[in-house]
């Protein structure tokens, strides 16, 4: 799931589709609602690597969306 992404401020690789999706929903949901959607996405669709946690992935994606 994740690799160091040297082209952005993200520690993980997120597909453009994922970023676009959450940027779009953040335009009509509150920040709290968007964060909950990100948490659910990570919980259901992401598999953290050995030294990663779901929280690390959530925080990274939040940082990407709300840069």
N, C-alpha and C. Protein backbone atom coordinates (compact mmCIF):
# COMPACT_ATOMS: atom_id res chain seq x y z
N UNK A 1 0.82 -1.19 0.00
CA UNK A 1 0.00 0.00 0.00
C UNK A 1 0.86 1.25 0.00
N UNK A 2 1.88 1.27 0.79
CA UNK A 2 2.57 2.55 0.93
C UNK A 2 4.03 2.46 0.56
N UNK A 3 4.48 3.51 -0.01
CA UNK A 3 5.88 3.70 -0.35
C UNK A 3 6.21 5.14 -0.04
N UNK A 4 7.46 5.43 0.20
CA UNK A 4 7.83 6.82 0.40
C UNK A 4 7.55 7.58 -0.89
N UNK A 5 6.79 8.62 -0.78
CA UNK A 5 6.41 9.41 -1.95
C UNK A 5 7.28 10.66 -1.99
N UNK A 6 8.32 10.64 -2.79
CA UNK A 6 9.27 11.74 -2.81
C UNK A 6 8.76 12.95 -3.59
N UNK A 7 7.63 12.82 -4.27
CA UNK A 7 7.11 13.93 -5.07
C UNK A 7 6.16 14.83 -4.31
N UNK A 8 5.89 14.54 -3.05
CA UNK A 8 4.98 15.37 -2.28
C UNK A 8 5.37 15.34 -0.82
N UNK A 9 4.54 15.96 0.00
CA UNK A 9 4.81 15.98 1.43
C UNK A 9 4.30 14.71 2.11
N UNK A 10 3.75 13.80 1.37
CA UNK A 10 3.18 12.58 1.90
C UNK A 10 4.26 11.54 2.17
N UNK A 11 4.07 10.79 3.25
CA UNK A 11 4.99 9.70 3.55
C UNK A 11 4.61 8.43 2.80
N UNK A 12 3.39 8.39 2.28
CA UNK A 12 2.86 7.20 1.63
C UNK A 12 2.40 7.53 0.22
N UNK A 13 2.29 6.50 -0.59
CA UNK A 13 1.76 6.69 -1.93
C UNK A 13 0.24 6.60 -1.89
N UNK A 14 -0.42 7.62 -2.38
CA UNK A 14 -1.88 7.63 -2.54
C UNK A 14 -2.16 7.85 -4.01
N UNK A 15 -3.04 7.04 -4.58
CA UNK A 15 -3.37 7.20 -5.99
C UNK A 15 -4.05 8.55 -6.21
N UNK A 16 -3.92 9.07 -7.41
CA UNK A 16 -4.58 10.32 -7.76
C UNK A 16 -6.09 10.20 -7.59
N UNK A 17 -6.62 9.02 -7.88
CA UNK A 17 -8.07 8.77 -7.72
C UNK A 17 -8.49 8.93 -6.26
N UNK A 18 -7.70 8.39 -5.35
CA UNK A 18 -8.00 8.50 -3.92
C UNK A 18 -7.93 9.95 -3.47
N UNK A 19 -6.88 10.64 -3.85
CA UNK A 19 -6.73 12.05 -3.47
C UNK A 19 -7.88 12.87 -4.04
N UNK A 20 -8.18 12.69 -5.31
CA UNK A 20 -9.26 13.44 -5.95
C UNK A 20 -10.60 13.18 -5.28
N UNK A 21 -10.85 11.94 -4.93
CA UNK A 21 -12.10 11.58 -4.27
C UNK A 21 -12.25 12.34 -2.95
N UNK A 22 -11.23 12.30 -2.12
CA UNK A 22 -11.33 12.94 -0.81
C UNK A 22 -11.28 14.47 -0.91
N UNK A 23 -10.57 15.00 -1.89
CA UNK A 23 -10.61 16.45 -2.11
C UNK A 23 -12.03 16.87 -2.52
N UNK A 24 -12.66 16.07 -3.36
CA UNK A 24 -14.02 16.38 -3.79
C UNK A 24 -15.00 16.32 -2.63
N UNK A 25 -14.98 15.24 -1.87
CA UNK A 25 -15.97 15.15 -0.77
C UNK A 25 -15.68 16.19 0.32
N UNK A 26 -14.44 16.61 0.45
CA UNK A 26 -14.13 17.64 1.44
C UNK A 26 -14.72 18.99 1.05
N UNK A 27 -15.12 19.12 -0.21
CA UNK A 27 -15.72 20.38 -0.65
C UNK A 27 -17.18 20.52 -0.22
N UNK A 28 -17.82 19.41 0.13
CA UNK A 28 -19.22 19.50 0.55
C UNK A 28 -19.50 18.86 1.91
N UNK A 29 -18.53 18.18 2.49
CA UNK A 29 -18.68 17.65 3.85
C UNK A 29 -17.87 18.52 4.80
N UNK A 30 -18.21 18.46 6.07
CA UNK A 30 -17.38 19.16 7.05
C UNK A 30 -16.04 18.43 7.16
N UNK A 31 -15.09 19.09 7.79
CA UNK A 31 -13.78 18.46 7.99
C UNK A 31 -13.93 17.19 8.82
N UNK A 32 -14.76 17.25 9.86
CA UNK A 32 -14.97 16.08 10.72
C UNK A 32 -15.59 14.92 9.93
N UNK A 33 -16.55 15.22 9.08
CA UNK A 33 -17.18 14.17 8.26
C UNK A 33 -16.17 13.58 7.28
N UNK A 34 -15.36 14.43 6.68
CA UNK A 34 -14.35 13.96 5.73
C UNK A 34 -13.33 13.07 6.43
N UNK A 35 -12.90 13.48 7.61
CA UNK A 35 -11.94 12.68 8.38
C UNK A 35 -12.54 11.32 8.71
N UNK A 36 -13.80 11.28 9.06
CA UNK A 36 -14.45 9.99 9.35
C UNK A 36 -14.47 9.11 8.09
N UNK A 37 -14.73 9.70 6.94
CA UNK A 37 -14.70 8.94 5.67
C UNK A 37 -13.29 8.40 5.40
N UNK A 38 -12.29 9.21 5.69
CA UNK A 38 -10.90 8.77 5.52
C UNK A 38 -10.60 7.62 6.47
N UNK A 39 -11.02 7.73 7.71
CA UNK A 39 -10.81 6.66 8.69
C UNK A 39 -11.45 5.35 8.22
N UNK A 40 -12.67 5.44 7.72
CA UNK A 40 -13.36 4.24 7.23
C UNK A 40 -12.65 3.66 6.02
N UNK A 41 -12.20 4.52 5.11
CA UNK A 41 -11.47 4.07 3.93
C UNK A 41 -10.21 3.30 4.33
N UNK A 42 -9.44 3.87 5.24
CA UNK A 42 -8.19 3.23 5.67
C UNK A 42 -8.50 1.90 6.36
N UNK A 43 -9.51 1.91 7.22
CA UNK A 43 -9.86 0.69 7.96
C UNK A 43 -10.28 -0.44 7.03
N UNK A 44 -11.04 -0.11 6.00
CA UNK A 44 -11.61 -1.13 5.12
C UNK A 44 -10.70 -1.47 3.94
N UNK A 45 -10.06 -0.47 3.35
CA UNK A 45 -9.38 -0.66 2.06
C UNK A 45 -7.85 -0.65 2.09
N UNK A 46 -7.27 -0.35 3.23
CA UNK A 46 -5.80 -0.24 3.28
C UNK A 46 -5.22 -1.30 4.21
N UNK A 47 -4.03 -1.75 3.86
CA UNK A 47 -3.31 -2.72 4.69
C UNK A 47 -1.96 -2.09 5.04
N UNK A 48 -1.80 -1.69 6.29
CA UNK A 48 -0.51 -1.08 6.69
C UNK A 48 0.63 -2.08 6.54
N UNK A 49 1.78 -1.57 6.16
CA UNK A 49 2.99 -2.41 6.08
C UNK A 49 3.48 -2.68 7.50
N UNK A 50 4.56 -3.42 7.61
CA UNK A 50 5.06 -3.90 8.90
C UNK A 50 5.14 -2.85 10.00
N UNK A 51 5.77 -1.73 9.73
CA UNK A 51 6.00 -0.73 10.78
C UNK A 51 5.00 0.42 10.71
N UNK A 52 3.92 0.24 10.00
CA UNK A 52 2.92 1.28 9.85
C UNK A 52 1.68 0.94 10.67
N UNK A 53 0.91 1.97 10.99
CA UNK A 53 -0.36 1.77 11.65
C UNK A 53 -1.46 2.44 10.83
N UNK A 54 -2.69 2.03 11.06
CA UNK A 54 -3.80 2.68 10.38
C UNK A 54 -3.82 4.17 10.70
N UNK A 55 -3.50 4.52 11.95
CA UNK A 55 -3.49 5.93 12.33
C UNK A 55 -2.47 6.72 11.52
N UNK A 56 -1.32 6.13 11.25
CA UNK A 56 -0.31 6.80 10.43
C UNK A 56 -0.86 7.08 9.04
N UNK A 57 -1.55 6.08 8.47
CA UNK A 57 -2.13 6.25 7.14
C UNK A 57 -3.22 7.33 7.15
N UNK A 58 -4.08 7.28 8.16
CA UNK A 58 -5.15 8.28 8.28
C UNK A 58 -4.56 9.68 8.37
N UNK A 59 -3.61 9.88 9.26
CA UNK A 59 -3.02 11.20 9.44
C UNK A 59 -2.33 11.69 8.17
N UNK A 60 -1.67 10.80 7.47
CA UNK A 60 -0.99 11.19 6.24
C UNK A 60 -1.99 11.61 5.18
N UNK A 61 -3.05 10.86 5.00
CA UNK A 61 -4.04 11.21 3.99
C UNK A 61 -4.77 12.50 4.36
N UNK A 62 -5.05 12.71 5.63
CA UNK A 62 -5.64 13.98 6.07
C UNK A 62 -4.70 15.13 5.71
N UNK A 63 -3.41 14.96 5.95
CA UNK A 63 -2.44 16.00 5.62
C UNK A 63 -2.40 16.29 4.13
N UNK A 64 -2.54 15.26 3.32
CA UNK A 64 -2.55 15.44 1.87
C UNK A 64 -3.79 16.23 1.43
N UNK A 65 -4.94 15.88 1.98
CA UNK A 65 -6.19 16.51 1.59
C UNK A 65 -6.26 17.95 2.10
N UNK A 66 -5.78 18.19 3.29
CA UNK A 66 -5.86 19.53 3.88
C UNK A 66 -4.51 20.23 3.92
N UNK A 67 -3.72 20.03 2.89
CA UNK A 67 -2.39 20.64 2.83
C UNK A 67 -2.43 22.16 2.81
